[in-house]
């Protein structure tokens, strides 16, 4: 009788630890959303959506095996998303992903299973490879813009250290050149793309992620158009 009580207590503690790690992951995701309000307010919806996915295992917390597997799947998916969307700041969700992965195994009596554990990272890696291999907009017949123009929120923004560092990183994601333009009276960031336009999507998202960007326009020799969802 005493041994049975001890086993039951051990199971209860294991379940409690598992749920605690998931709650910690949700908190970590919430902190990432809070940071996104500072460095990339235009991407807040994307960050809130990602944080919402982090909480999904709690919906099946009363199904132990499904709960553990959900933690493993979503944790693995967040790792992939953190790598793919690193330039957009999605790497901030990697701590939440790690906590979910730990939650999958923290309870010895409730783990995803050998085969499920082995196949989930393989599936996540395949997802990562397939997304990276997707054709660019220019390969789909879309005429890429020659450059982007981003309106900034204040005259002091070009001197903000975080903005300066982010602007410098644009060349690493495919921008050919970036410069500040004051001709309209307020500061604008002008970012030129590579000739083939293959980096359009990545560069566009990287610009949107810069702190202080309040409006983004894609421009060709025919003129400029407001990028949907910005401004």
C-alpha atoms as a PDB file:
ATOM      1  CA  UNK A   1       0.000   0.000   0.000  1.00  0.00           C
ATOM      2  CA  UNK A   2       2.791   2.388   0.966  1.00  0.00           C
ATOM      3  CA  UNK A   3       4.717   1.580  -2.208  1.00  0.00           C
ATOM      4  CA  UNK A   4       1.627   2.288  -4.320  1.00  0.00           C
ATOM      5  CA  UNK A   5       1.224   5.685  -2.686  1.00  0.00           C
ATOM      6  CA  UNK A   6       4.880   6.464  -3.344  1.00  0.00           C
ATOM      7  CA  UNK A   7       4.535   5.523  -7.012  1.00  0.00           C
ATOM      8  CA  UNK A   8       1.414   7.652  -7.338  1.00  0.00           C
ATOM      9  CA  UNK A   9       3.183  10.579  -5.684  1.00  0.00           C
ATOM     10  CA  UNK A  10       6.102  10.141  -8.079  1.00  0.00           C
ATOM     11  CA  UNK A  11       3.793  10.160 -11.084  1.00  0.00           C
ATOM     12  CA  UNK A  12       2.019  13.269  -9.811  1.00  0.00           C
ATOM     13  CA  UNK A  13       5.336  15.048  -9.297  1.00  0.00           C
ATOM     14  CA  UNK A  14       6.468  14.061 -12.780  1.00  0.00           C
ATOM     15  CA  UNK A  15       3.278  15.424 -14.349  1.00  0.00           C
ATOM     16  CA  UNK A  16       3.616  18.608 -12.309  1.00  0.00           C
ATOM     17  CA  UNK A  17       7.217  19.072 -13.484  1.00  0.00           C
ATOM     18  CA  UNK A  18       6.180  18.472 -17.076  1.00  0.00           C
ATOM     19  CA  UNK A  19       3.426  21.084 -16.928  1.00  0.00           C
ATOM     20  CA  UNK A  20       5.741  23.504 -15.133  1.00  0.00           C
ATOM     21  CA  UNK A  21       8.240  23.359 -18.000  1.00  0.00           C
ATOM     22  CA  UNK A  22       5.466  24.050 -20.522  1.00  0.00           C
ATOM     23  CA  UNK A  23       4.246  27.020 -18.496  1.00  0.00           C
ATOM     24  CA  UNK A  24       7.839  28.270 -18.350  1.00  0.00           C
ATOM     25  CA  UNK A  25       8.020  27.928 -22.141  1.00  0.00           C
ATOM     26  CA  UNK A  26       4.856  30.022 -22.509  1.00  0.00           C
ATOM     27  CA  UNK A  27       6.335  32.670 -20.210  1.00  0.00           C
ATOM     28  CA  UNK A  28       9.571  32.684 -22.241  1.00  0.00           C
ATOM     29  CA  UNK A  29       7.524  33.095 -25.430  1.00  0.00           C
ATOM     30  CA  UNK A  30       5.625  35.963 -23.820  1.00  0.00           C
ATOM     31  CA  UNK A  31       8.895  37.710 -23.014  1.00  0.00           C
ATOM     32  CA  UNK A  32       9.930  37.289 -26.656  1.00  0.00           C
ATOM     33  CA  UNK A  33       6.696  39.000 -27.723  1.00  0.00           C
ATOM     34  CA  UNK A  34       7.426  41.830 -25.292  1.00  0.00           C
ATOM     35  CA  UNK A  35      10.857  42.331 -26.849  1.00  0.00           C
ATOM     36  CA  UNK A  36       9.323  42.317 -30.321  1.00  0.00           C
ATOM     37  CA  UNK A  37       7.216  45.348 -29.371  1.00  0.00           C
ATOM     38  CA  UNK A  38      10.488  47.243 -28.946  1.00  0.00           C
ATOM     39  CA  UNK A  39      12.640  46.094 -31.859  1.00  0.00           C
ATOM     40  CA  UNK A  40      10.007  45.146 -34.492  1.00  0.00           C
ATOM     41  CA  UNK A  41       6.494  46.480 -33.777  1.00  0.00           C
ATOM     42  CA  UNK A  42       5.379  45.704 -37.333  1.00  0.00           C
ATOM     43  CA  UNK A  43       5.930  42.002 -36.688  1.00  0.00           C
ATOM     44  CA  UNK A  44       3.983  41.815 -33.436  1.00  0.00           C
ATOM     45  CA  UNK A  45       1.211  39.697 -34.992  1.00  0.00           C
ATOM     46  CA  UNK A  46       3.764  37.138 -36.154  1.00  0.00           C
ATOM     47  CA  UNK A  47       5.327  37.006 -32.708  1.00  0.00           C
ATOM     48  CA  UNK A  48       1.976  36.697 -30.935  1.00  0.00           C
ATOM     49  CA  UNK A  49       1.025  33.848 -33.270  1.00  0.00           C
ATOM     50  CA  UNK A  50       4.283  32.054 -32.512  1.00  0.00           C
ATOM     51  CA  UNK A  51       3.753  32.485 -28.788  1.00  0.00           C
ATOM     52  CA  UNK A  52       0.244  31.081 -29.154  1.00  0.00           C
ATOM     53  CA  UNK A  53       1.612  27.907 -30.740  1.00  0.00           C
ATOM     54  CA  UNK A  54       3.913  27.487 -27.732  1.00  0.00           C
ATOM     55  CA  UNK A  55       0.874  27.162 -25.447  1.00  0.00           C
ATOM     56  CA  UNK A  56      -0.851  24.481 -27.538  1.00  0.00           C
ATOM     57  CA  UNK A  57       0.401  21.461 -25.508  1.00  0.00           C
ATOM     58  CA  UNK A  58      -1.595  22.748 -22.538  1.00  0.00           C
ATOM     59  CA  UNK A  59      -4.761  22.012 -24.501  1.00  0.00           C
ATOM     60  CA  UNK A  60      -4.047  18.266 -24.205  1.00  0.00           C
ATOM     61  CA  UNK A  61      -2.494  18.288 -20.718  1.00  0.00           C
ATOM     62  CA  UNK A  62      -5.025  15.684 -19.518  1.00  0.00           C
ATOM     63  CA  UNK A  63      -3.777  13.155 -22.125  1.00  0.00           C
ATOM     64  CA  UNK A  64      -0.283  12.263 -20.839  1.00  0.00           C
ATOM     65  CA  UNK A  65       1.176  10.582 -23.927  1.00  0.00           C
ATOM     66  CA  UNK A  66      -0.326  13.105 -26.371  1.00  0.00           C
ATOM     67  CA  UNK A  67       0.851  15.911 -24.081  1.00  0.00           C
ATOM     68  CA  UNK A  68       4.460  14.692 -24.171  1.00  0.00           C
ATOM     69  CA  UNK A  69       4.379  14.214 -27.945  1.00  0.00           C
ATOM     70  CA  UNK A  70       2.853  17.635 -28.494  1.00  0.00           C
ATOM     71  CA  UNK A  71       5.698  19.168 -26.505  1.00  0.00           C
ATOM     72  CA  UNK A  72       8.241  17.348 -28.657  1.00  0.00           C
ATOM     73  CA  UNK A  73       6.587  18.256 -31.970  1.00  0.00           C
ATOM     74  CA  UNK A  74       6.024  21.929 -31.169  1.00  0.00           C
ATOM     75  CA  UNK A  75       9.442  22.273 -29.541  1.00  0.00           C
ATOM     76  CA  UNK A  76      11.109  20.816 -32.646  1.00  0.00           C
ATOM     77  CA  UNK A  77       9.004  23.031 -34.885  1.00  0.00           C
ATOM     78  CA  UNK A  78       9.984  26.122 -32.915  1.00  0.00           C
ATOM     79  CA  UNK A  79      13.653  25.246 -33.324  1.00  0.00           C
ATOM     80  CA  UNK A  80      13.145  25.122 -37.105  1.00  0.00           C
ATOM     81  CA  UNK A  81      11.160  28.376 -37.040  1.00  0.00           C
ATOM     82  CA  UNK A  82      13.810  30.038 -34.874  1.00  0.00           C
ATOM     83  CA  UNK A  83      16.486  29.164 -37.433  1.00  0.00           C
ATOM     84  CA  UNK A  84      14.478  30.055 -40.540  1.00  0.00           C
ATOM     85  CA  UNK A  85      13.190  33.313 -39.093  1.00  0.00           C
ATOM     86  CA  UNK A  86      16.371  34.311 -37.255  1.00  0.00           C
ATOM     87  CA  UNK A  87      16.696  37.556 -39.201  1.00  0.00           C
ATOM     88  CA  UNK A  88      13.159  38.449 -38.054  1.00  0.00           C
ATOM     89  CA  UNK A  89      14.039  37.816 -34.421  1.00  0.00           C
ATOM     90  CA  UNK A  90      12.397  34.393 -34.196  1.00  0.00           C
ATOM     91  CA  UNK A  91      15.551  33.114 -32.500  1.00  0.00           C
ATOM     92  CA  UNK A  92      14.101  34.703 -29.358  1.00  0.00           C
ATOM     93  CA  UNK A  93      11.695  31.754 -29.199  1.00  0.00           C
ATOM     94  CA  UNK A  94      14.521  29.201 -28.997  1.00  0.00           C
ATOM     95  CA  UNK A  95      14.508  29.221 -25.154  1.00  0.00           C
ATOM     96  CA  UNK A  96      10.790  28.367 -25.264  1.00  0.00           C
ATOM     97  CA  UNK A  97      11.549  25.585 -27.751  1.00  0.00           C
ATOM     98  CA  UNK A  98      14.232  24.164 -25.446  1.00  0.00           C
ATOM     99  CA  UNK A  99      11.846  24.185 -22.479  1.00  0.00           C
ATOM    100  CA  UNK A 100       9.226  22.308 -24.502  1.00  0.00           C
ATOM    101  CA  UNK A 101      11.788  19.700 -25.556  1.00  0.00           C
ATOM    102  CA  UNK A 102      12.788  19.224 -21.922  1.00  0.00           C
ATOM    103  CA  UNK A 103       9.115  18.923 -20.961  1.00  0.00           C
ATOM    104  CA  UNK A 104       8.806  15.979 -23.351  1.00  0.00           C
ATOM    105  CA  UNK A 105      11.222  13.889 -21.274  1.00  0.00           C
ATOM    106  CA  UNK A 106      11.142  15.334 -17.764  1.00  0.00           C
ATOM    107  CA  UNK A 107       8.558  12.789 -16.601  1.00  0.00           C
ATOM    108  CA  UNK A 108      10.068   9.241 -16.781  1.00  0.00           C
ATOM    109  CA  UNK A 109       6.626   7.675 -16.769  1.00  0.00           C
ATOM    110  CA  UNK A 110       5.341   9.746 -19.641  1.00  0.00           C
ATOM    111  CA  UNK A 111       7.722  10.106 -22.573  1.00  0.00           C
ATOM    112  CA  UNK A 112       6.951  10.306 -26.325  1.00  0.00           C
ATOM    113  CA  UNK A 113       8.349   6.871 -27.185  1.00  0.00           C
ATOM    114  CA  UNK A 114      11.500   5.781 -28.982  1.00  0.00           C
ATOM    115  CA  UNK A 115      10.199   5.843 -32.544  1.00  0.00           C
ATOM    116  CA  UNK A 116       8.309   9.093 -32.122  1.00  0.00           C
ATOM    117  CA  UNK A 117      11.382  10.693 -30.568  1.00  0.00           C
ATOM    118  CA  UNK A 118      13.598   9.497 -33.419  1.00  0.00           C
ATOM    119  CA  UNK A 119      11.259  10.517 -36.242  1.00  0.00           C
ATOM    120  CA  UNK A 120      10.220  13.968 -35.005  1.00  0.00           C
ATOM    121  CA  UNK A 121      13.657  15.635 -35.432  1.00  0.00           C
ATOM    122  CA  UNK A 122      13.949  14.017 -38.873  1.00  0.00           C
ATOM    123  CA  UNK A 123      10.593  15.479 -39.869  1.00  0.00           C
ATOM    124  CA  UNK A 124      11.615  18.895 -38.491  1.00  0.00           C
ATOM    125  CA  UNK A 125      14.888  18.789 -40.458  1.00  0.00           C
ATOM    126  CA  UNK A 126      12.986  17.831 -43.624  1.00  0.00           C
ATOM    127  CA  UNK A 127      10.625  20.756 -43.059  1.00  0.00           C
ATOM    128  CA  UNK A 128      13.571  23.108 -42.665  1.00  0.00           C
ATOM    129  CA  UNK A 129      15.182  21.819 -45.872  1.00  0.00           C
ATOM    130  CA  UNK A 130      11.949  22.077 -47.870  1.00  0.00           C
ATOM    131  CA  UNK A 131      11.307  25.670 -46.795  1.00  0.00           C
ATOM    132  CA  UNK A 132      14.870  26.747 -47.534  1.00  0.00           C
ATOM    133  CA  UNK A 133      14.593  25.133 -50.971  1.00  0.00           C
ATOM    134  CA  UNK A 134      11.386  26.984 -51.908  1.00  0.00           C
ATOM    135  CA  UNK A 135      11.737  29.065 -55.074  1.00  0.00           C
ATOM    136  CA  UNK A 136      12.144  32.792 -54.648  1.00  0.00           C
ATOM    137  CA  UNK A 137       9.582  35.317 -55.828  1.00  0.00           C
ATOM    138  CA  UNK A 138      11.646  36.107 -58.898  1.00  0.00           C
ATOM    139  CA  UNK A 139      11.580  32.455 -59.950  1.00  0.00           C
ATOM    140  CA  UNK A 140       7.773  32.524 -59.828  1.00  0.00           C
ATOM    141  CA  UNK A 141       7.623  35.205 -62.523  1.00  0.00           C
ATOM    142  CA  UNK A 142       7.223  38.069 -60.065  1.00  0.00           C
ATOM    143  CA  UNK A 143       9.182  41.182 -61.051  1.00  0.00           C
ATOM    144  CA  UNK A 144      11.224  42.074 -57.981  1.00  0.00           C
ATOM    145  CA  UNK A 145      11.555  45.675 -56.844  1.00  0.00           C
ATOM    146  CA  UNK A 146      14.827  47.456 -57.420  1.00  0.00           C
ATOM    147  CA  UNK A 147      14.895  48.881 -53.928  1.00  0.00           C
ATOM    148  CA  UNK A 148      12.861  49.454 -50.755  1.00  0.00           C
ATOM    149  CA  UNK A 149      12.156  52.750 -49.016  1.00  0.00           C
ATOM    150  CA  UNK A 150      11.409  52.592 -45.294  1.00  0.00           C
ATOM    151  CA  UNK A 151      10.044  55.620 -43.431  1.00  0.00           C
ATOM    152  CA  UNK A 152      11.404  55.982 -39.897  1.00  0.00           C
ATOM    153  CA  UNK A 153       9.529  57.127 -36.816  1.00  0.00           C
ATOM    154  CA  UNK A 154      11.841  59.965 -35.735  1.00  0.00           C
ATOM    155  CA  UNK A 155      14.841  62.049 -36.724  1.00  0.00           C
ATOM    156  CA  UNK A 156      16.836  60.415 -33.929  1.00  0.00           C
ATOM    157  CA  UNK A 157      16.232  56.854 -35.169  1.00  0.00           C
ATOM    158  CA  UNK A 158      19.226  56.783 -37.586  1.00  0.00           C
ATOM    159  CA  UNK A 159      21.513  57.240 -34.576  1.00  0.00           C
ATOM    160  CA  UNK A 160      19.933  54.479 -32.508  1.00  0.00           C
ATOM    161  CA  UNK A 161      22.520  51.746 -31.922  1.00  0.00           C
ATOM    162  CA  UNK A 162      20.101  48.880 -32.486  1.00  0.00           C
ATOM    163  CA  UNK A 163      18.931  50.430 -35.758  1.00  0.00           C
ATOM    164  CA  UNK A 164      22.509  51.037 -36.920  1.00  0.00           C
ATOM    165  CA  UNK A 165      23.484  47.434 -36.171  1.00  0.00           C
ATOM    166  CA  UNK A 166      20.395  46.085 -37.953  1.00  0.00           C
ATOM    167  CA  UNK A 167      21.036  48.292 -40.977  1.00  0.00           C
ATOM    168  CA  UNK A 168      24.603  46.985 -41.190  1.00  0.00           C
ATOM    169  CA  UNK A 169      23.344  43.374 -41.179  1.00  0.00           C
ATOM    170  CA  UNK A 170      21.159  43.921 -44.246  1.00  0.00           C
ATOM    171  CA  UNK A 171      24.084  43.223 -46.570  1.00  0.00           C
ATOM    172  CA  UNK A 172      24.384  39.757 -45.041  1.00  0.00           C
ATOM    173  CA  UNK A 173      20.835  38.817 -46.069  1.00  0.00           C
ATOM    174  CA  UNK A 174      21.082  39.973 -49.676  1.00  0.00           C
ATOM    175  CA  UNK A 175      20.940  43.779 -49.755  1.00  0.00           C
ATOM    176  CA  UNK A 176      23.377  45.331 -52.227  1.00  0.00           C
ATOM    177  CA  UNK A 177      23.498  48.728 -50.529  1.00  0.00           C
ATOM    178  CA  UNK A 178      21.638  50.752 -47.912  1.00  0.00           C
ATOM    179  CA  UNK A 179      21.694  54.478 -47.240  1.00  0.00           C
ATOM    180  CA  UNK A 180      19.756  57.160 -45.379  1.00  0.00           C
ATOM    181  CA  UNK A 181      17.785  59.769 -47.299  1.00  0.00           C
ATOM    182  CA  UNK A 182      16.724  63.083 -45.733  1.00  0.00           C
ATOM    183  CA  UNK A 183      15.467  64.839 -48.879  1.00  0.00           C
ATOM    184  CA  UNK A 184      11.817  64.660 -47.814  1.00  0.00           C
ATOM    185  CA  UNK A 185      12.580  66.331 -44.485  1.00  0.00           C
ATOM    186  CA  UNK A 186      12.183  63.146 -42.436  1.00  0.00           C
ATOM    187  CA  UNK A 187      14.620  60.210 -42.441  1.00  0.00           C
ATOM    188  CA  UNK A 188      14.059  57.331 -44.844  1.00  0.00           C
ATOM    189  CA  UNK A 189      16.144  54.201 -45.286  1.00  0.00           C
ATOM    190  CA  UNK A 190      16.739  53.239 -48.904  1.00  0.00           C
ATOM    191  CA  UNK A 191      17.836  49.636 -49.461  1.00  0.00           C
ATOM    192  CA  UNK A 192      18.926  48.406 -52.894  1.00  0.00           C
ATOM    193  CA  UNK A 193      18.536  44.739 -53.830  1.00  0.00           C
ATOM    194  CA  UNK A 194      20.875  42.474 -55.710  1.00  0.00           C
ATOM    195  CA  UNK A 195      20.433  42.554 -59.481  1.00  0.00           C
ATOM    196  CA  UNK A 196      18.545  39.253 -59.712  1.00  0.00           C
ATOM    197  CA  UNK A 197      16.167  40.149 -56.885  1.00  0.00           C
ATOM    198  CA  UNK A 198      16.483  36.655 -55.417  1.00  0.00           C
ATOM    199  CA  UNK A 199      16.748  38.006 -51.862  1.00  0.00           C
ATOM    200  CA  UNK A 200      13.641  40.217 -52.034  1.00  0.00           C
ATOM    201  CA  UNK A 201      11.541  38.436 -49.397  1.00  0.00           C
ATOM    202  CA  UNK A 202      14.342  38.059 -46.864  1.00  0.00           C
ATOM    203  CA  UNK A 203      15.513  41.648 -47.261  1.00  0.00           C
ATOM    204  CA  UNK A 204      11.938  42.976 -47.046  1.00  0.00           C
ATOM    205  CA  UNK A 205      11.299  41.111 -43.805  1.00  0.00           C
ATOM    206  CA  UNK A 206      14.663  42.163 -42.387  1.00  0.00           C
ATOM    207  CA  UNK A 207      13.865  45.821 -43.063  1.00  0.00           C
ATOM    208  CA  UNK A 208      10.435  45.444 -41.461  1.00  0.00           C
ATOM    209  CA  UNK A 209      12.131  43.997 -38.385  1.00  0.00           C
ATOM    210  CA  UNK A 210      14.309  47.091 -37.890  1.00  0.00           C
ATOM    211  CA  UNK A 211      13.281  49.262 -34.939  1.00  0.00           C
ATOM    212  CA  UNK A 212      11.480  52.446 -35.933  1.00  0.00           C
ATOM    213  CA  UNK A 213      10.235  51.398 -39.380  1.00  0.00           C
ATOM    214  CA  UNK A 214       6.694  52.751 -39.705  1.00  0.00           C
ATOM    215  CA  UNK A 215       6.137  52.414 -43.455  1.00  0.00           C
ATOM    216  CA  UNK A 216       7.738  50.287 -46.150  1.00  0.00           C
ATOM    217  CA  UNK A 217       7.502  50.761 -49.917  1.00  0.00           C
ATOM    218  CA  UNK A 218       8.777  48.563 -52.743  1.00  0.00           C
ATOM    219  CA  UNK A 219      10.060  50.547 -55.703  1.00  0.00           C
ATOM    220  CA  UNK A 220      10.850  49.957 -59.371  1.00  0.00           C
ATOM    221  CA  UNK A 221      11.558  52.375 -62.211  1.00  0.00           C
ATOM    222  CA  UNK A 222       7.767  52.812 -62.533  1.00  0.00           C
ATOM    223  CA  UNK A 223       7.303  54.047 -58.965  1.00  0.00           C
ATOM    224  CA  UNK A 224       6.766  52.804 -55.422  1.00  0.00           C
ATOM    225  CA  UNK A 225       3.993  50.789 -53.822  1.00  0.00           C
ATOM    226  CA  UNK A 226       3.176  50.363 -50.149  1.00  0.00           C
ATOM    227  CA  UNK A 227       4.076  46.883 -48.934  1.00  0.00           C
ATOM    228  CA  UNK A 228       0.937  45.199 -47.608  1.00  0.00           C
ATOM    229  CA  UNK A 229       0.873  45.054 -43.829  1.00  0.00           C
ATOM    230  CA  UNK A 230       3.347  47.916 -43.380  1.00  0.00           C
ATOM    231  CA  UNK A 231       2.284  51.455 -42.695  1.00  0.00           C
END
